[in-house]
Amino acid sequence: MRTIYKIKKISRGWIVINTETGNHAHFRSERGCGCIIFFIKNHIIPDNTYLKESYRRLTEPKKVYKDMYINVNKGVTRCM
């Protein structure tokens, strides 16, 4: 499956969105968006800590959430 990344202009910079998972990362310039997409497509881990975190966030798989257990008796007081 091929992942597609979208670049979008927002009021205070730029954003890269992973359309498969919905994850995103914020950047100050359009050039930064192009750099991170280049790194992802060529499997290059960046040296910059901000770019590393953006790389991790944009490439992590979609989270699958488990069903939550809810105790129906919690908070119920006894009537005597």
PDB file of N, CA and C in Angstrom:
ATOM      1  N   MET A   1       0.832  -1.174   0.000  1.00  0.00           N
ATOM      2  CA  MET A   1       0.000   0.000   0.000  1.00  0.00           C
ATOM      3  C   MET A   1       0.885   1.248   0.000  1.00  0.00           C
ATOM      4  N   ARG A   2       0.570   2.202  -0.832  1.00  0.00           N
ATOM      5  CA  ARG A   2       1.365   3.409  -0.967  1.00  0.00           C
ATOM      6  C   ARG A   2       0.797   4.524  -0.098  1.00  0.00           C
ATOM      7  N   THR A   3       1.637   5.148   0.688  1.00  0.00           N
ATOM      8  CA  THR A   3       1.218   6.247   1.538  1.00  0.00           C
ATOM      9  C   THR A   3       1.374   7.556   0.785  1.00  0.00           C
ATOM     10  N   ILE A   4       0.367   8.380   0.868  1.00  0.00           N
ATOM     11  CA  ILE A   4       0.403   9.675   0.195  1.00  0.00           C
ATOM     12  C   ILE A   4       0.459  10.769   1.255  1.00  0.00           C
ATOM     13  N   TYR A   5       1.350  11.714   1.066  1.00  0.00           N
ATOM     14  CA  TYR A   5       1.505  12.842   1.975  1.00  0.00           C
ATOM     15  C   TYR A   5       0.997  14.106   1.309  1.00  0.00           C
ATOM     16  N   LYS A   6       0.237  14.896   2.054  1.00  0.00           N
ATOM     17  CA  LYS A   6      -0.285  16.156   1.542  1.00  0.00           C
ATOM     18  C   LYS A   6       0.380  17.303   2.285  1.00  0.00           C
ATOM     19  N   ILE A   7       0.719  18.359   1.561  1.00  0.00           N
ATOM     20  CA  ILE A   7       1.259  19.578   2.144  1.00  0.00           C
ATOM     21  C   ILE A   7       0.157  20.620   2.111  1.00  0.00           C
ATOM     22  N   LYS A   8      -0.049  21.289   3.243  1.00  0.00           N
ATOM     23  CA  LYS A   8      -1.129  22.259   3.332  1.00  0.00           C
ATOM     24  C   LYS A   8      -0.633  23.524   4.027  1.00  0.00           C
ATOM     25  N   LYS A   9      -1.009  24.677   3.498  1.00  0.00           N
ATOM     26  CA  LYS A   9      -0.661  25.964   4.093  1.00  0.00           C
ATOM     27  C   LYS A   9      -1.665  26.262   5.202  1.00  0.00           C
ATOM     28  N   ILE A  10      -1.155  26.603   6.389  1.00  0.00           N
ATOM     29  CA  ILE A  10      -2.024  27.018   7.488  1.00  0.00           C
ATOM     30  C   ILE A  10      -1.622  28.419   7.903  1.00  0.00           C
ATOM     31  N   SER A  11      -2.347  29.008   8.840  1.00  0.00           N
ATOM     32  CA  SER A  11      -2.124  30.416   9.189  1.00  0.00           C
ATOM     33  C   SER A  11      -0.713  30.706   9.689  1.00  0.00           C
ATOM     34  N   ARG A  12      -0.108  29.786  10.427  1.00  0.00           N
ATOM     35  CA  ARG A  12       1.223  30.042  10.985  1.00  0.00           C
ATOM     36  C   ARG A  12       2.269  29.071  10.470  1.00  0.00           C
ATOM     37  N   GLY A  13       2.241  28.740   9.191  1.00  0.00           N
ATOM     38  CA  GLY A  13       3.255  27.859   8.628  1.00  0.00           C
ATOM     39  C   GLY A  13       2.666  26.838   7.674  1.00  0.00           C
ATOM     40  N   TRP A  14       3.230  25.638   7.727  1.00  0.00           N
ATOM     41  CA  TRP A  14       2.846  24.559   6.817  1.00  0.00           C
ATOM     42  C   TRP A  14       2.633  23.288   7.620  1.00  0.00           C
ATOM     43  N   ILE A  15       1.888  22.358   7.040  1.00  0.00           N
ATOM     44  CA  ILE A  15       1.603  21.094   7.699  1.00  0.00           C
ATOM     45  C   ILE A  15       1.707  19.969   6.671  1.00  0.00           C
ATOM     46  N   VAL A  16       2.274  18.835   7.091  1.00  0.00           N
ATOM     47  CA  VAL A  16       2.339  17.630   6.259  1.00  0.00           C
ATOM     48  C   VAL A  16       1.403  16.616   6.894  1.00  0.00           C
ATOM     49  N   ILE A  17       0.499  16.041   6.082  1.00  0.00           N
ATOM     50  CA  ILE A  17      -0.495  15.100   6.576  1.00  0.00           C
ATOM     51  C   ILE A  17      -0.293  13.753   5.905  1.00  0.00           C
ATOM     52  N   ASN A  18      -0.241  12.705   6.701  1.00  0.00           N
ATOM     53  CA  ASN A  18      -0.220  11.336   6.190  1.00  0.00           C
ATOM     54  C   ASN A  18      -1.682  10.956   5.973  1.00  0.00           C
ATOM     55  N   THR A  19      -2.105  10.849   4.721  1.00  0.00           N
ATOM     56  CA  THR A  19      -3.518  10.614   4.417  1.00  0.00           C
ATOM     57  C   THR A  19      -3.979   9.211   4.791  1.00  0.00           C
ATOM     58  N   GLU A  20      -3.048   8.290   4.972  1.00  0.00           N
ATOM     59  CA  GLU A  20      -3.409   6.921   5.342  1.00  0.00           C
ATOM     60  C   GLU A  20      -3.782   6.822   6.813  1.00  0.00           C
ATOM     61  N   THR A  21      -2.969   7.445   7.681  1.00  0.00           N
ATOM     62  CA  THR A  21      -3.197   7.338   9.124  1.00  0.00           C
ATOM     63  C   THR A  21      -3.833   8.588   9.723  1.00  0.00           C
ATOM     64  N   GLY A  22      -3.727   9.705   9.044  1.00  0.00           N
ATOM     65  CA  GLY A  22      -4.261  10.951   9.585  1.00  0.00           C
ATOM     66  C   GLY A  22      -3.274  11.697  10.472  1.00  0.00           C
ATOM     67  N   ASN A  23      -2.083  11.141  10.697  1.00  0.00           N
ATOM     68  CA  ASN A  23      -1.066  11.819  11.496  1.00  0.00           C
ATOM     69  C   ASN A  23      -0.521  13.011  10.732  1.00  0.00           C
ATOM     70  N   HIS A  24      -0.017  14.012  11.469  1.00  0.00           N
ATOM     71  CA  HIS A  24       0.487  15.209  10.812  1.00  0.00           C
ATOM     72  C   HIS A  24       1.677  15.776  11.579  1.00  0.00           C
ATOM     73  N   ALA A  25       2.405  16.688  10.922  1.00  0.00           N
ATOM     74  CA  ALA A  25       3.544  17.380  11.525  1.00  0.00           C
ATOM     75  C   ALA A  25       3.546  18.812  11.012  1.00  0.00           C
ATOM     76  N   HIS A  26       3.931  19.749  11.880  1.00  0.00           N
ATOM     77  CA  HIS A  26       3.942  21.166  11.545  1.00  0.00           C
ATOM     78  C   HIS A  26       5.352  21.627  11.185  1.00  0.00           C
ATOM     79  N   PHE A  27       5.441  22.563  10.227  1.00  0.00           N
ATOM     80  CA  PHE A  27       6.719  23.118   9.789  1.00  0.00           C
ATOM     81  C   PHE A  27       6.581  24.613   9.561  1.00  0.00           C
ATOM     82  N   ARG A  28       7.709  25.319   9.641  1.00  0.00           N
ATOM     83  CA  ARG A  28       7.711  26.768   9.405  1.00  0.00           C
ATOM     84  C   ARG A  28       7.706  27.119   7.932  1.00  0.00           C
ATOM     85  N   SER A  29       8.303  26.239   7.107  1.00  0.00           N
ATOM     86  CA  SER A  29       8.428  26.557   5.683  1.00  0.00           C
ATOM     87  C   SER A  29       7.997  25.382   4.828  1.00  0.00           C
ATOM     88  N   GLU A  30       7.711  25.687   3.571  1.00  0.00           N
ATOM     89  CA  GLU A  30       7.345  24.654   2.621  1.00  0.00           C
ATOM     90  C   GLU A  30       8.552  23.765   2.311  1.00  0.00           C
ATOM     91  N   ARG A  31       9.740  24.339   2.402  1.00  0.00           N
ATOM     92  CA  ARG A  31      10.964  23.580   2.157  1.00  0.00           C
ATOM     93  C   ARG A  31      11.142  22.465   3.192  1.00  0.00           C
ATOM     94  N   GLY A  32      10.808  22.742   4.452  1.00  0.00           N
ATOM     95  CA  GLY A  32      10.878  21.722   5.496  1.00  0.00           C
ATOM     96  C   GLY A  32       9.941  20.567   5.212  1.00  0.00           C
ATOM     97  N   CYS A  33       8.764  20.882   4.686  1.00  0.00           N
ATOM     98  CA  CYS A  33       7.799  19.837   4.303  1.00  0.00           C
ATOM     99  C   CYS A  33       8.376  18.960   3.197  1.00  0.00           C
ATOM    100  N   GLY A  34       8.988  19.596   2.213  1.00  0.00           N
ATOM    101  CA  GLY A  34       9.600  18.847   1.118  1.00  0.00           C
ATOM    102  C   GLY A  34      10.738  17.973   1.598  1.00  0.00           C
ATOM    103  N   CYS A  35      11.520  18.491   2.557  1.00  0.00           N
ATOM    104  CA  CYS A  35      12.646  17.717   3.098  1.00  0.00           C
ATOM    105  C   CYS A  35      12.163  16.460   3.809  1.00  0.00           C
ATOM    106  N   ILE A  36      11.142  16.590   4.660  1.00  0.00           N
ATOM    107  CA  ILE A  36      10.692  15.424   5.416  1.00  0.00           C
ATOM    108  C   ILE A  36      10.080  14.381   4.485  1.00  0.00           C
ATOM    109  N   ILE A  37       9.379  14.805   3.455  1.00  0.00           N
ATOM    110  CA  ILE A  37       8.816  13.853   2.495  1.00  0.00           C
ATOM    111  C   ILE A  37       9.939  13.150   1.727  1.00  0.00           C
ATOM    112  N   PHE A  38      10.993  13.899   1.369  1.00  0.00           N
ATOM    113  CA  PHE A  38      12.164  13.310   0.700  1.00  0.00           C
ATOM    114  C   PHE A  38      12.818  12.264   1.604  1.00  0.00           C
ATOM    115  N   PHE A  39      12.995  12.601   2.893  1.00  0.00           N
ATOM    116  CA  PHE A  39      13.609  11.664   3.837  1.00  0.00           C
ATOM    117  C   PHE A  39      12.776  10.398   3.987  1.00  0.00           C
ATOM    118  N   ILE A  40      11.461  10.557   4.064  1.00  0.00           N
ATOM    119  CA  ILE A  40      10.586   9.400   4.246  1.00  0.00           C
ATOM    120  C   ILE A  40      10.635   8.496   3.019  1.00  0.00           C
ATOM    121  N   LYS A  41      10.554   9.086   1.830  1.00  0.00           N
ATOM    122  CA  LYS A  41      10.543   8.285   0.604  1.00  0.00           C
ATOM    123  C   LYS A  41      11.866   7.555   0.370  1.00  0.00           C
ATOM    124  N   ASN A  42      12.976   8.137   0.823  1.00  0.00           N
ATOM    125  CA  ASN A  42      14.292   7.532   0.623  1.00  0.00           C
ATOM    126  C   ASN A  42      14.802   6.796   1.862  1.00  0.00           C
ATOM    127  N   HIS A  43      13.957   6.657   2.892  1.00  0.00           N
ATOM    128  CA  HIS A  43      14.291   5.940   4.122  1.00  0.00           C
ATOM    129  C   HIS A  43      15.562   6.484   4.779  1.00  0.00           C
ATOM    130  N   ILE A  44      15.657   7.809   4.865  1.00  0.00           N
ATOM    131  CA  ILE A  44      16.796   8.475   5.498  1.00  0.00           C
ATOM    132  C   ILE A  44      16.337   9.005   6.850  1.00  0.00           C
ATOM    133  N   ILE A  45      17.053   8.631   7.920  1.00  0.00           N
ATOM    134  CA  ILE A  45      16.740   9.140   9.255  1.00  0.00           C
ATOM    135  C   ILE A  45      17.470  10.471   9.425  1.00  0.00           C
ATOM    136  N   PRO A  46      16.755  11.578   9.648  1.00  0.00           N
ATOM    137  CA  PRO A  46      17.415  12.880   9.787  1.00  0.00           C
ATOM    138  C   PRO A  46      18.180  13.000  11.108  1.00  0.00           C
ATOM    139  N   ASP A  47      19.173  13.908  11.137  1.00  0.00           N
ATOM    140  CA  ASP A  47      19.954  14.161  12.346  1.00  0.00           C
ATOM    141  C   ASP A  47      19.240  15.122  13.291  1.00  0.00           C
ATOM    142  N   ASN A  48      18.460  16.036  12.742  1.00  0.00           N
ATOM    143  CA  ASN A  48      17.757  17.036  13.527  1.00  0.00           C
ATOM    144  C   ASN A  48      16.690  16.370  14.392  1.00  0.00           C
ATOM    145  N   THR A  49      16.602  16.758  15.682  1.00  0.00           N
ATOM    146  CA  THR A  49      15.653  16.114  16.593  1.00  0.00           C
ATOM    147  C   THR A  49      14.204  16.399  16.207  1.00  0.00           C
ATOM    148  N   TYR A  50      13.904  17.612  15.735  1.00  0.00           N
ATOM    149  CA  TYR A  50      12.539  17.936  15.322  1.00  0.00           C
ATOM    150  C   TYR A  50      12.137  17.118  14.096  1.00  0.00           C
ATOM    151  N   LEU A  51      13.059  17.001  13.142  1.00  0.00           N
ATOM    152  CA  LEU A  51      12.773  16.207  11.946  1.00  0.00           C
ATOM    153  C   LEU A  51      12.664  14.723  12.277  1.00  0.00           C
ATOM    154  N   LYS A  52      13.456  14.246  13.257  1.00  0.00           N
ATOM    155  CA  LYS A  52      13.365  12.849  13.681  1.00  0.00           C
ATOM    156  C   LYS A  52      11.979  12.547  14.235  1.00  0.00           C
ATOM    157  N   GLU A  53      11.476  13.444  15.093  1.00  0.00           N
ATOM    158  CA  GLU A  53      10.154  13.248  15.674  1.00  0.00           C
ATOM    159  C   GLU A  53       9.069  13.316  14.609  1.00  0.00           C
ATOM    160  N   SER A  54       9.195  14.240  13.669  1.00  0.00           N
ATOM    161  CA  SER A  54       8.238  14.343  12.564  1.00  0.00           C
ATOM    162  C   SER A  54       8.270  13.079  11.711  1.00  0.00           C
ATOM    163  N   TYR A  55       9.469  12.571  11.442  1.00  0.00           N
ATOM    164  CA  TYR A  55       9.638  11.333  10.670  1.00  0.00           C
ATOM    165  C   TYR A  55       8.922  10.182  11.371  1.00  0.00           C
ATOM    166  N   ARG A  56       9.163  10.046  12.677  1.00  0.00           N
ATOM    167  CA  ARG A  56       8.547   8.971  13.453  1.00  0.00           C
ATOM    168  C   ARG A  56       7.024   9.100  13.428  1.00  0.00           C
ATOM    169  N   ARG A  57       6.529  10.311  13.648  1.00  0.00           N
ATOM    170  CA  ARG A  57       5.095  10.532  13.716  1.00  0.00           C
ATOM    171  C   ARG A  57       4.406  10.248  12.379  1.00  0.00           C
ATOM    172  N   LEU A  58       5.028  10.656  11.278  1.00  0.00           N
ATOM    173  CA  LEU A  58       4.413  10.482   9.968  1.00  0.00           C
ATOM    174  C   LEU A  58       4.495   9.046   9.449  1.00  0.00           C
ATOM    175  N   THR A  59       5.452   8.256   9.949  1.00  0.00           N
ATOM    176  CA  THR A  59       5.620   6.897   9.442  1.00  0.00           C
ATOM    177  C   THR A  59       5.049   5.821  10.356  1.00  0.00           C
ATOM    178  N   GLU A  60       4.617   6.175  11.568  1.00  0.00           N
ATOM    179  CA  GLU A  60       4.092   5.137  12.457  1.00  0.00           C
ATOM    180  C   GLU A  60       2.747   4.635  11.944  1.00  0.00           C
ATOM    181  N   PRO A  61       2.481   3.342  12.141  1.00  0.00           N
ATOM    182  CA  PRO A  61       1.233   2.769  11.627  1.00  0.00           C
ATOM    183  C   PRO A  61       0.025   3.293  12.392  1.00  0.00           C
ATOM    184  N   LYS A  62      -1.128   3.117  11.794  1.00  0.00           N
ATOM    185  CA  LYS A  62      -2.368   3.560  12.408  1.00  0.00           C
ATOM    186  C   LYS A  62      -2.612   2.754  13.673  1.00  0.00           C
ATOM    187  N   LYS A  63      -2.992   3.435  14.752  1.00  0.00           N
ATOM    188  CA  LYS A  63      -3.226   2.764  16.022  1.00  0.00           C
ATOM    189  C   LYS A  63      -4.572   2.054  16.001  1.00  0.00           C
ATOM    190  N   VAL A  64      -4.572   0.856  16.528  1.00  0.00           N
ATOM    191  CA  VAL A  64      -5.806   0.095  16.661  1.00  0.00           C
ATOM    192  C   VAL A  64      -6.146   0.080  18.144  1.00  0.00           C
ATOM    193  N   TYR A  65      -7.276   0.640  18.475  1.00  0.00           N
ATOM    194  CA  TYR A  65      -7.669   0.742  19.868  1.00  0.00           C
ATOM    195  C   TYR A  65      -8.473  -0.479  20.287  1.00  0.00           C
ATOM    196  N   LYS A  66      -8.167  -0.971  21.498  1.00  0.00           N
ATOM    197  CA  LYS A  66      -8.898  -2.101  22.046  1.00  0.00           C
ATOM    198  C   LYS A  66     -10.194  -1.595  22.673  1.00  0.00           C
ATOM    199  N   ASP A  67     -11.142  -2.487  22.835  1.00  0.00           N
ATOM    200  CA  ASP A  67     -12.365  -2.139  23.551  1.00  0.00           C
ATOM    201  C   ASP A  67     -12.021  -1.847  25.003  1.00  0.00           C
ATOM    202  N   MET A  68     -12.659  -0.840  25.567  1.00  0.00           N
ATOM    203  CA  MET A  68     -12.387  -0.455  26.936  1.00  0.00           C
ATOM    204  C   MET A  68     -13.320  -1.214  27.878  1.00  0.00           C
ATOM    205  N   TYR A  69     -12.754  -1.724  28.965  1.00  0.00           N
ATOM    206  CA  TYR A  69     -13.561  -2.395  29.978  1.00  0.00           C
ATOM    207  C   TYR A  69     -14.174  -1.340  30.883  1.00  0.00           C
ATOM    208  N   ILE A  70     -15.472  -1.406  31.063  1.00  0.00           N
ATOM    209  CA  ILE A  70     -16.164  -0.478  31.953  1.00  0.00           C
ATOM    210  C   ILE A  70     -16.864  -1.295  33.030  1.00  0.00           C
ATOM    211  N   ASN A  71     -16.531  -1.009  34.278  1.00  0.00           N
ATOM    212  CA  ASN A  71     -17.162  -1.686  35.403  1.00  0.00           C
ATOM    213  C   ASN A  71     -18.479  -0.975  35.696  1.00  0.00           C
ATOM    214  N   VAL A  72     -19.597  -1.644  35.419  1.00  0.00           N
ATOM    215  CA  VAL A  72     -20.902  -1.016  35.604  1.00  0.00           C
ATOM    216  C   VAL A  72     -21.246  -0.823  37.070  1.00  0.00           C
ATOM    217  N   ASN A  73     -20.597  -1.568  37.966  1.00  0.00           N
ATOM    218  CA  ASN A  73     -20.882  -1.455  39.383  1.00  0.00           C
ATOM    219  C   ASN A  73     -20.087  -0.346  40.078  1.00  0.00           C
ATOM    220  N   LYS A  74     -19.151   0.236  39.389  1.00  0.00           N
ATOM    221  CA  LYS A  74     -18.308   1.252  40.012  1.00  0.00           C
ATOM    222  C   LYS A  74     -19.131   2.502  40.308  1.00  0.00           C
ATOM    223  N   GLY A  75     -19.036   2.960  41.525  1.00  0.00           N
ATOM    224  CA  GLY A  75     -19.745   4.186  41.900  1.00  0.00           C
ATOM    225  C   GLY A  75     -21.177   3.954  42.343  1.00  0.00           C
ATOM    226  N   VAL A  76     -21.655   2.735  42.297  1.00  0.00           N
ATOM    227  CA  VAL A  76     -23.019   2.451  42.732  1.00  0.00           C
ATOM    228  C   VAL A  76     -22.987   2.187  44.235  1.00  0.00           C
ATOM    229  N   THR A  77     -23.792   2.920  44.967  1.00  0.00           N
ATOM    230  CA  THR A  77     -23.828   2.736  46.422  1.00  0.00           C
ATOM    231  C   THR A  77     -24.932   1.760  46.786  1.00  0.00           C
ATOM    232  N   ARG A  78     -24.780   1.116  47.957  1.00  0.00           N
ATOM    233  CA  ARG A  78     -25.785   0.174  48.419  1.00  0.00           C
ATOM    234  C   ARG A  78     -26.960   0.925  49.031  1.00  0.00           C
ATOM    235  N   CYS A  79     -28.115   0.420  48.770  1.00  0.00           N
ATOM    236  CA  CYS A  79     -29.318   0.970  49.404  1.00  0.00           C
ATOM    237  C   CYS A  79     -29.735   0.011  50.509  1.00  0.00           C
ATOM    238  N   MET A  80     -29.849   0.517  51.736  1.00  0.00           N
ATOM    239  CA  MET A  80     -30.242  -0.351  52.850  1.00  0.00           C
ATOM    240  C   MET A  80     -31.560   0.062  53.404  1.00  0.00           C
TER     241      MET A  80
END
